[in-house]
Amino acid sequence: MGYCEVGGELLTDAVAIHHRKLRSQLGHDEPSNLLAVCHDHHNLGDDAIHLNVAKALENGWLLASWQTPLEAQALIHGRWWVHLDDAGRYHLPPPTLAEIIDQMRGKEMP
């Protein structure tokens, strides 16, 4: 079935489709704005998106009204910072200048 895009747990039939930019803020139903999450991470558990708004904003699971889903990164599966596109794919952000310099010096990038 897939994995919770917030915590990485195996999803059962109980799946919530979460809008990163809320519909009340004119968020749309395009894939870049949506996350498939377990109900615990959506609004039931102690670490739920809607109960921990500051953490959700920090991790890109909720967006401010001025942010656009295509440009805002999200922490997926608790491991990877990615951009989501409207075809439903993940894209890694470009490396920072510091990461490029470290790579040129022979250090591994994270």
N, C-alpha and C. Protein backbone atom coordinates (compact mmCIF):
# COMPACT_ATOMS: atom_id res chain seq x y z
N MET A 1 0.82 -1.20 0.00
CA MET A 1 0.00 0.00 0.00
C MET A 1 0.86 1.26 0.00
N GLY A 2 1.99 1.24 0.69
CA GLY A 2 2.86 2.39 0.75
C GLY A 2 3.25 2.72 2.18
N TYR A 3 3.92 3.85 2.34
CA TYR A 3 4.44 4.25 3.64
C TYR A 3 3.96 5.66 3.98
N CYS A 4 3.80 5.91 5.27
CA CYS A 4 3.46 7.25 5.75
C CYS A 4 4.59 8.19 5.34
N GLU A 5 4.26 9.26 4.66
CA GLU A 5 5.29 10.17 4.17
C GLU A 5 5.89 11.03 5.27
N VAL A 6 5.30 11.01 6.46
CA VAL A 6 5.88 11.74 7.58
C VAL A 6 6.81 10.84 8.37
N GLY A 7 6.32 9.71 8.85
CA GLY A 7 7.11 8.85 9.73
C GLY A 7 7.72 7.64 9.08
N GLY A 8 7.24 7.24 7.91
CA GLY A 8 7.79 6.10 7.20
C GLY A 8 7.16 4.77 7.56
N GLU A 9 6.13 4.77 8.42
CA GLU A 9 5.48 3.51 8.78
C GLU A 9 4.67 2.96 7.61
N LEU A 10 4.56 1.64 7.58
CA LEU A 10 3.74 0.99 6.56
C LEU A 10 2.29 1.42 6.74
N LEU A 11 1.67 1.88 5.66
CA LEU A 11 0.28 2.32 5.72
C LEU A 11 -0.66 1.14 5.60
N THR A 12 -1.73 1.19 6.33
CA THR A 12 -2.80 0.20 6.21
C THR A 12 -3.91 0.86 5.39
N ASP A 13 -5.10 0.38 5.54
CA ASP A 13 -6.22 1.00 4.82
C ASP A 13 -6.57 2.36 5.39
N ALA A 14 -6.10 2.66 6.60
CA ALA A 14 -6.40 3.94 7.25
C ALA A 14 -5.36 4.97 6.82
N VAL A 15 -5.65 5.68 5.75
CA VAL A 15 -4.73 6.67 5.20
C VAL A 15 -5.43 8.02 5.15
N ALA A 16 -4.71 9.05 5.54
CA ALA A 16 -5.22 10.41 5.41
C ALA A 16 -4.42 11.11 4.31
N ILE A 17 -5.11 11.82 3.46
CA ILE A 17 -4.44 12.64 2.47
C ILE A 17 -4.39 14.05 3.04
N HIS A 18 -3.18 14.48 3.38
CA HIS A 18 -2.98 15.75 4.07
C HIS A 18 -2.58 16.83 3.08
N HIS A 19 -3.21 17.99 3.18
CA HIS A 19 -2.86 19.17 2.38
C HIS A 19 -1.78 19.96 3.13
N ARG A 20 -0.62 20.10 2.52
CA ARG A 20 0.47 20.87 3.13
C ARG A 20 0.06 22.33 3.27
N LYS A 21 -0.42 22.92 2.22
CA LYS A 21 -1.02 24.24 2.27
C LYS A 21 -2.51 23.99 2.38
N LEU A 22 -3.07 24.36 3.50
CA LEU A 22 -4.45 24.00 3.79
C LEU A 22 -5.43 24.56 2.76
N ARG A 23 -6.51 23.85 2.57
CA ARG A 23 -7.53 24.31 1.63
C ARG A 23 -8.09 25.66 2.05
N SER A 24 -8.15 25.91 3.36
CA SER A 24 -8.64 27.21 3.85
C SER A 24 -7.70 28.35 3.46
N GLN A 25 -6.45 28.01 3.06
CA GLN A 25 -5.47 29.00 2.60
C GLN A 25 -5.32 28.91 1.08
N LEU A 26 -6.33 28.36 0.43
CA LEU A 26 -6.38 28.17 -1.03
C LEU A 26 -5.37 27.13 -1.51
N GLY A 27 -5.07 26.17 -0.65
CA GLY A 27 -4.24 25.04 -1.07
C GLY A 27 -5.01 24.16 -2.05
N HIS A 28 -4.33 23.62 -3.02
CA HIS A 28 -4.97 22.85 -4.09
C HIS A 28 -4.79 21.35 -3.87
N ASP A 29 -5.35 20.57 -4.77
CA ASP A 29 -5.28 19.12 -4.68
C ASP A 29 -4.21 18.52 -5.58
N GLU A 30 -3.20 19.27 -5.92
CA GLU A 30 -2.11 18.77 -6.75
C GLU A 30 -1.13 17.96 -5.90
N PRO A 31 -0.44 16.97 -6.47
CA PRO A 31 0.47 16.11 -5.70
C PRO A 31 1.54 16.86 -4.90
N SER A 32 2.02 18.00 -5.39
CA SER A 32 3.04 18.74 -4.64
C SER A 32 2.52 19.26 -3.30
N ASN A 33 1.21 19.34 -3.17
CA ASN A 33 0.59 19.85 -1.96
C ASN A 33 0.06 18.74 -1.05
N LEU A 34 0.19 17.50 -1.46
CA LEU A 34 -0.44 16.40 -0.72
C LEU A 34 0.59 15.44 -0.15
N LEU A 35 0.28 14.92 1.04
CA LEU A 35 1.07 13.86 1.66
C LEU A 35 0.13 12.74 2.08
N ALA A 36 0.53 11.51 1.82
CA ALA A 36 -0.20 10.34 2.33
C ALA A 36 0.37 10.02 3.70
N VAL A 37 -0.46 10.14 4.72
CA VAL A 37 0.02 9.94 6.09
C VAL A 37 -0.91 9.02 6.86
N CYS A 38 -0.34 8.36 7.86
CA CYS A 38 -1.15 7.55 8.75
C CYS A 38 -1.99 8.49 9.62
N HIS A 39 -3.08 7.99 10.16
CA HIS A 39 -3.94 8.85 10.97
C HIS A 39 -3.25 9.36 12.23
N ASP A 40 -2.33 8.57 12.79
CA ASP A 40 -1.60 9.05 13.96
C ASP A 40 -0.80 10.30 13.64
N HIS A 41 -0.13 10.32 12.48
CA HIS A 41 0.65 11.50 12.12
C HIS A 41 -0.22 12.64 11.60
N HIS A 42 -1.43 12.32 11.16
CA HIS A 42 -2.29 13.39 10.66
C HIS A 42 -2.92 14.18 11.80
N ASN A 43 -3.68 13.50 12.66
CA ASN A 43 -4.35 14.28 13.70
C ASN A 43 -4.70 13.51 14.96
N LEU A 44 -4.22 12.27 15.09
CA LEU A 44 -4.62 11.47 16.25
C LEU A 44 -3.52 11.28 17.28
N GLY A 45 -2.29 11.13 16.85
CA GLY A 45 -1.20 10.80 17.77
C GLY A 45 -0.61 12.01 18.47
N ASP A 46 0.25 11.74 19.44
CA ASP A 46 0.92 12.81 20.18
C ASP A 46 1.81 13.67 19.29
N ASP A 47 2.29 13.10 18.18
CA ASP A 47 3.19 13.80 17.26
C ASP A 47 2.47 14.20 15.97
N ALA A 48 1.16 14.41 16.05
CA ALA A 48 0.35 14.69 14.87
C ALA A 48 0.63 16.07 14.27
N ILE A 49 0.52 16.15 12.96
CA ILE A 49 0.75 17.40 12.23
C ILE A 49 -0.11 18.53 12.79
N HIS A 50 -1.39 18.26 12.96
CA HIS A 50 -2.31 19.32 13.37
C HIS A 50 -2.24 19.64 14.87
N LEU A 51 -1.52 18.82 15.65
CA LEU A 51 -1.33 19.10 17.08
C LEU A 51 0.03 19.74 17.35
N ASN A 52 0.95 19.64 16.41
CA ASN A 52 2.30 20.20 16.55
C ASN A 52 2.60 21.08 15.35
N VAL A 53 1.90 22.18 15.28
CA VAL A 53 1.97 23.06 14.11
C VAL A 53 3.38 23.59 13.88
N ALA A 54 4.08 23.99 14.94
CA ALA A 54 5.43 24.54 14.76
C ALA A 54 6.36 23.50 14.13
N LYS A 55 6.32 22.26 14.60
CA LYS A 55 7.15 21.20 14.03
C LYS A 55 6.73 20.91 12.60
N ALA A 56 5.43 20.91 12.34
CA ALA A 56 4.93 20.64 10.99
C ALA A 56 5.37 21.72 10.01
N LEU A 57 5.36 22.98 10.45
CA LEU A 57 5.83 24.08 9.60
C LEU A 57 7.33 23.95 9.34
N GLU A 58 8.08 23.62 10.39
CA GLU A 58 9.53 23.46 10.28
C GLU A 58 9.91 22.34 9.31
N ASN A 59 9.11 21.27 9.27
CA ASN A 59 9.41 20.11 8.44
C ASN A 59 8.71 20.12 7.09
N GLY A 60 7.99 21.20 6.76
CA GLY A 60 7.34 21.29 5.45
C GLY A 60 6.08 20.47 5.32
N TRP A 61 5.55 19.97 6.43
CA TRP A 61 4.30 19.20 6.39
C TRP A 61 3.10 20.12 6.39
N LEU A 62 3.27 21.32 6.90
CA LEU A 62 2.31 22.41 6.78
C LEU A 62 3.05 23.58 6.17
N LEU A 63 2.36 24.36 5.37
CA LEU A 63 2.97 25.53 4.73
C LEU A 63 2.24 26.79 5.16
N ALA A 64 2.98 27.86 5.24
CA ALA A 64 2.37 29.16 5.50
C ALA A 64 1.59 29.59 4.27
N SER A 65 0.68 30.52 4.46
CA SER A 65 -0.19 30.94 3.35
C SER A 65 0.60 31.51 2.18
N TRP A 66 1.77 32.09 2.43
CA TRP A 66 2.57 32.70 1.37
C TRP A 66 3.48 31.70 0.66
N GLN A 67 3.62 30.48 1.18
CA GLN A 67 4.50 29.49 0.56
C GLN A 67 3.79 28.75 -0.57
N THR A 68 4.59 28.31 -1.54
CA THR A 68 4.05 27.50 -2.64
C THR A 68 4.56 26.07 -2.51
N PRO A 69 3.68 25.08 -2.64
CA PRO A 69 4.09 23.69 -2.46
C PRO A 69 5.21 23.23 -3.39
N LEU A 70 5.24 23.72 -4.61
CA LEU A 70 6.28 23.30 -5.54
C LEU A 70 7.67 23.77 -5.11
N GLU A 71 7.75 24.86 -4.35
CA GLU A 71 9.04 25.43 -3.96
C GLU A 71 9.46 25.03 -2.56
N ALA A 72 8.52 24.64 -1.71
CA ALA A 72 8.83 24.34 -0.31
C ALA A 72 9.25 22.88 -0.14
N GLN A 73 10.37 22.67 0.53
CA GLN A 73 10.84 21.32 0.79
C GLN A 73 10.02 20.68 1.91
N ALA A 74 10.03 19.35 1.94
CA ALA A 74 9.38 18.60 3.01
C ALA A 74 10.31 17.49 3.47
N LEU A 75 10.28 17.21 4.76
CA LEU A 75 11.03 16.09 5.32
C LEU A 75 10.17 14.84 5.15
N ILE A 76 10.64 13.90 4.33
CA ILE A 76 9.86 12.71 4.00
C ILE A 76 10.44 11.50 4.72
N HIS A 77 9.56 10.69 5.29
CA HIS A 77 9.93 9.46 6.02
C HIS A 77 10.88 9.76 7.17
N GLY A 78 10.89 11.00 7.64
CA GLY A 78 11.76 11.38 8.74
C GLY A 78 13.24 11.38 8.38
N ARG A 79 13.57 11.32 7.07
CA ARG A 79 14.97 11.18 6.64
C ARG A 79 15.43 12.15 5.58
N TRP A 80 14.60 12.37 4.56
CA TRP A 80 15.07 13.08 3.37
C TRP A 80 14.32 14.38 3.16
N TRP A 81 15.08 15.44 2.90
CA TRP A 81 14.48 16.70 2.48
C TRP A 81 14.32 16.66 0.97
N VAL A 82 13.10 16.86 0.50
CA VAL A 82 12.81 16.76 -0.92
C VAL A 82 11.87 17.88 -1.36
N HIS A 83 11.83 18.09 -2.65
CA HIS A 83 10.79 18.89 -3.28
C HIS A 83 9.81 17.89 -3.88
N LEU A 84 8.53 18.18 -3.81
CA LEU A 84 7.50 17.35 -4.41
C LEU A 84 7.03 18.03 -5.69
N ASP A 85 6.80 17.24 -6.75
CA ASP A 85 6.30 17.85 -7.98
C ASP A 85 4.85 17.43 -8.20
N ASP A 86 4.24 17.98 -9.23
CA ASP A 86 2.83 17.69 -9.48
C ASP A 86 2.61 16.41 -10.27
N ALA A 87 3.68 15.65 -10.51
CA ALA A 87 3.56 14.32 -11.08
C ALA A 87 3.66 13.26 -9.99
N GLY A 88 3.82 13.70 -8.73
CA GLY A 88 3.89 12.78 -7.61
C GLY A 88 5.28 12.25 -7.32
N ARG A 89 6.32 12.91 -7.84
CA ARG A 89 7.70 12.46 -7.63
C ARG A 89 8.41 13.34 -6.61
N TYR A 90 9.46 12.77 -6.02
CA TYR A 90 10.34 13.50 -5.12
C TYR A 90 11.57 13.95 -5.88
N HIS A 91 12.10 15.10 -5.51
CA HIS A 91 13.35 15.60 -6.09
C HIS A 91 14.23 16.10 -4.96
N LEU A 92 15.48 15.67 -4.94
CA LEU A 92 16.42 16.17 -3.94
C LEU A 92 16.76 17.61 -4.28
N PRO A 93 16.91 18.45 -3.26
CA PRO A 93 17.30 19.84 -3.54
C PRO A 93 18.73 19.88 -4.06
N PRO A 94 19.10 20.94 -4.78
CA PRO A 94 20.48 21.05 -5.24
C PRO A 94 21.41 21.18 -4.04
N PRO A 95 22.64 20.72 -4.18
CA PRO A 95 23.59 20.83 -3.06
C PRO A 95 23.92 22.29 -2.76
N THR A 96 24.25 22.54 -1.51
CA THR A 96 24.68 23.89 -1.12
C THR A 96 26.11 24.10 -1.59
N LEU A 97 26.55 25.34 -1.57
CA LEU A 97 27.92 25.66 -1.95
C LEU A 97 28.91 24.93 -1.04
N ALA A 98 28.62 24.87 0.27
CA ALA A 98 29.49 24.18 1.22
C ALA A 98 29.60 22.70 0.88
N GLU A 99 28.49 22.08 0.49
CA GLU A 99 28.51 20.65 0.12
C GLU A 99 29.34 20.43 -1.15
N ILE A 100 29.25 21.33 -2.10
CA ILE A 100 30.03 21.21 -3.33
C ILE A 100 31.52 21.34 -3.02
N ILE A 101 31.88 22.30 -2.17
CA ILE A 101 33.28 22.48 -1.79
C ILE A 101 33.80 21.26 -1.06
N ASP A 102 33.01 20.73 -0.11
CA ASP A 102 33.41 19.51 0.61
C ASP A 102 33.61 18.34 -0.34
N GLN A 103 32.73 18.21 -1.32
CA GLN A 103 32.85 17.13 -2.29
C GLN A 103 34.13 17.30 -3.12
N MET A 104 34.43 18.52 -3.49
CA MET A 104 35.65 18.78 -4.26
C MET A 104 36.89 18.48 -3.45
N ARG A 105 36.80 18.63 -2.14
CA ARG A 105 37.93 18.33 -1.25
C ARG A 105 37.98 16.85 -0.87
N GLY A 106 37.04 16.08 -1.37
CA GLY A 106 37.05 14.65 -1.12
C GLY A 106 36.23 14.18 0.04
N LYS A 107 35.46 15.08 0.64
CA LYS A 107 34.59 14.70 1.74
C LYS A 107 33.26 14.23 1.17
N GLU A 108 32.61 13.30 1.86
CA GLU A 108 31.31 12.81 1.40
C GLU A 108 30.22 13.80 1.76
N MET A 109 29.24 13.89 0.87
CA MET A 109 28.07 14.71 1.16
C MET A 109 27.08 13.84 1.94
N PRO A 110 26.21 14.49 2.77
CA PRO A 110 25.25 13.70 3.56
C PRO A 110 24.24 12.99 2.71
